[in-house]
Amino acid sequence: MLVAFSVAPSLVADAADDTGSVSQAVAAAVEVVRASGLPNRTDAMFTTIEGEWEECMTVVKGAVDAVAAFGPRVSLVLKADIRPGYAGELTAKVARLEAALDERS
C-alpha cells in the first residue's frame, strides 16, 4: 500500500520565529519516516511511504508522536492506495504516467 500523509502541529508551543514555520516539527516526522526503512518520498506537501498496513500505520503514528512534542495539537491528513499484490508502486505509478505522456507526444 501507499500512504501519503501530511502532519504538522496545529499550535506551536514555542515558535522560534514569527513566520509560522513548522519545519522543525515536520523534520522530526520525516526522521521517523526515514528511520523506518520503508520506501519513502517527501515533497513540499506530503510524505509518501510504501509498505504493509501495519508497517505504514506504525510509521504514521510515530510521525504524529514526533510532531506532538512541538505543540498540544496535531493535524494529520492521510490518503492511502490499498492495492494487494503490488509492490514498488512508489516509483512504478510515476513511470506508468511518464510512459503515457510519452505516448501522447
Protein backbone atom coordinates (compact mmCIF):
# COMPACT_ATOMS: atom_id res chain seq x y z
CA MET A 1 0.00 0.00 0.00
CA LEU A 2 0.98 3.60 -0.48
CA VAL A 3 0.21 6.14 2.23
CA ALA A 4 0.61 9.84 1.54
CA PHE A 5 0.37 11.97 4.64
CA SER A 6 1.00 15.41 5.98
CA VAL A 7 1.47 16.01 9.69
CA ALA A 8 2.11 19.30 11.46
CA PRO A 9 1.40 20.95 14.78
CA SER A 10 -1.82 22.95 14.74
CA LEU A 11 -0.45 25.15 17.50
CA VAL A 12 3.25 25.67 18.03
CA ALA A 13 4.09 25.93 21.70
CA ASP A 14 7.42 27.75 21.34
CA ALA A 15 7.85 29.09 17.82
CA ALA A 16 11.44 30.04 17.04
CA ASP A 17 10.30 32.97 14.97
CA ASP A 18 7.15 34.79 13.89
CA THR A 19 6.95 33.29 10.38
CA GLY A 20 4.68 30.44 11.42
CA SER A 21 7.11 27.88 10.04
CA VAL A 22 6.65 24.32 11.26
CA SER A 23 9.76 22.96 9.51
CA GLN A 24 11.39 21.71 12.72
CA ALA A 25 8.31 19.68 13.64
CA VAL A 26 8.00 18.32 10.11
CA ALA A 27 11.71 17.43 10.13
CA ALA A 28 11.12 15.37 13.28
CA ALA A 29 8.33 13.49 11.49
CA VAL A 30 10.47 12.88 8.39
CA GLU A 31 13.26 11.49 10.60
CA VAL A 32 10.79 8.86 11.85
CA VAL A 33 9.85 8.01 8.27
CA ARG A 34 13.44 7.68 7.09
CA ALA A 35 14.44 5.61 10.12
CA SER A 36 11.61 3.16 9.36
CA GLY A 37 13.40 1.71 6.36
CA LEU A 38 10.22 1.81 4.27
CA PRO A 39 10.47 3.22 0.75
CA ASN A 40 9.53 6.89 1.01
CA ARG A 41 9.44 10.20 -0.78
CA THR A 42 8.90 13.66 0.67
CA ASP A 43 7.79 16.67 -1.36
CA ALA A 44 6.58 20.15 -0.47
CA MET A 45 3.15 18.97 0.69
CA PHE A 46 3.23 15.26 1.59
CA THR A 47 5.40 12.34 2.56
CA THR A 48 4.55 9.06 0.85
CA ILE A 49 5.55 5.68 2.26
CA GLU A 50 5.11 2.16 0.90
CA GLY A 51 4.62 -0.99 2.94
CA GLU A 52 2.09 -3.26 4.57
CA TRP A 53 -0.85 -1.80 6.52
CA GLU A 54 0.65 -2.32 9.98
CA GLU A 55 4.07 -1.01 8.93
CA CYS A 56 2.63 2.14 7.40
CA MET A 57 0.30 2.91 10.29
CA THR A 58 3.14 2.40 12.79
CA VAL A 59 5.24 4.95 10.90
CA VAL A 60 2.35 7.43 10.67
CA LYS A 61 1.74 7.13 14.42
CA GLY A 62 5.45 7.63 15.11
CA ALA A 63 5.45 10.74 12.94
CA VAL A 64 2.40 12.10 14.76
CA ASP A 65 4.05 11.42 18.11
CA ALA A 66 7.21 13.22 16.97
CA VAL A 67 5.21 16.29 15.93
CA ALA A 68 3.18 16.24 19.16
CA ALA A 69 6.39 17.19 21.01
CA PHE A 70 6.11 20.61 19.33
CA GLY A 71 2.64 21.56 20.48
CA PRO A 72 -0.55 20.40 22.16
CA ARG A 73 -2.46 19.74 18.93
CA VAL A 74 -1.52 17.88 15.73
CA SER A 75 -3.11 17.97 12.29
CA LEU A 76 -2.90 14.82 10.13
CA VAL A 77 -4.05 14.46 6.51
CA LEU A 78 -3.78 10.92 5.14
CA LYS A 79 -4.54 9.31 1.79
CA ALA A 80 -3.97 5.61 1.06
CA ASP A 81 -3.82 3.49 -2.09
CA ILE A 82 -4.54 -0.06 -0.98
CA ARG A 83 -3.73 -2.47 -3.81
CA PRO A 84 -2.93 -6.02 -2.66
CA GLY A 85 -0.36 -7.89 -4.67
CA TYR A 86 1.54 -4.83 -5.89
CA ALA A 87 4.92 -3.61 -4.69
CA GLY A 88 7.28 -0.91 -5.91
CA GLU A 89 4.37 1.37 -6.71
CA LEU A 90 6.09 4.42 -5.23
CA THR A 91 8.10 4.62 -8.44
CA ALA A 92 6.06 2.37 -10.78
CA LYS A 93 2.99 4.63 -10.78
CA VAL A 94 5.12 7.59 -11.83
CA ALA A 95 6.86 5.51 -14.52
CA ARG A 96 3.47 4.49 -15.97
CA LEU A 97 2.37 8.12 -16.03
CA GLU A 98 5.56 9.23 -17.77
CA ALA A 99 5.14 6.43 -20.36
CA ALA A 100 1.57 7.52 -21.02
CA LEU A 101 2.72 11.11 -21.51
CA ASP A 102 5.46 9.97 -23.91
CA GLU A 103 2.85 8.06 -25.95
CA ARG A 104 0.82 11.27 -26.28
CA SER A 105 3.76 13.23 -27.68
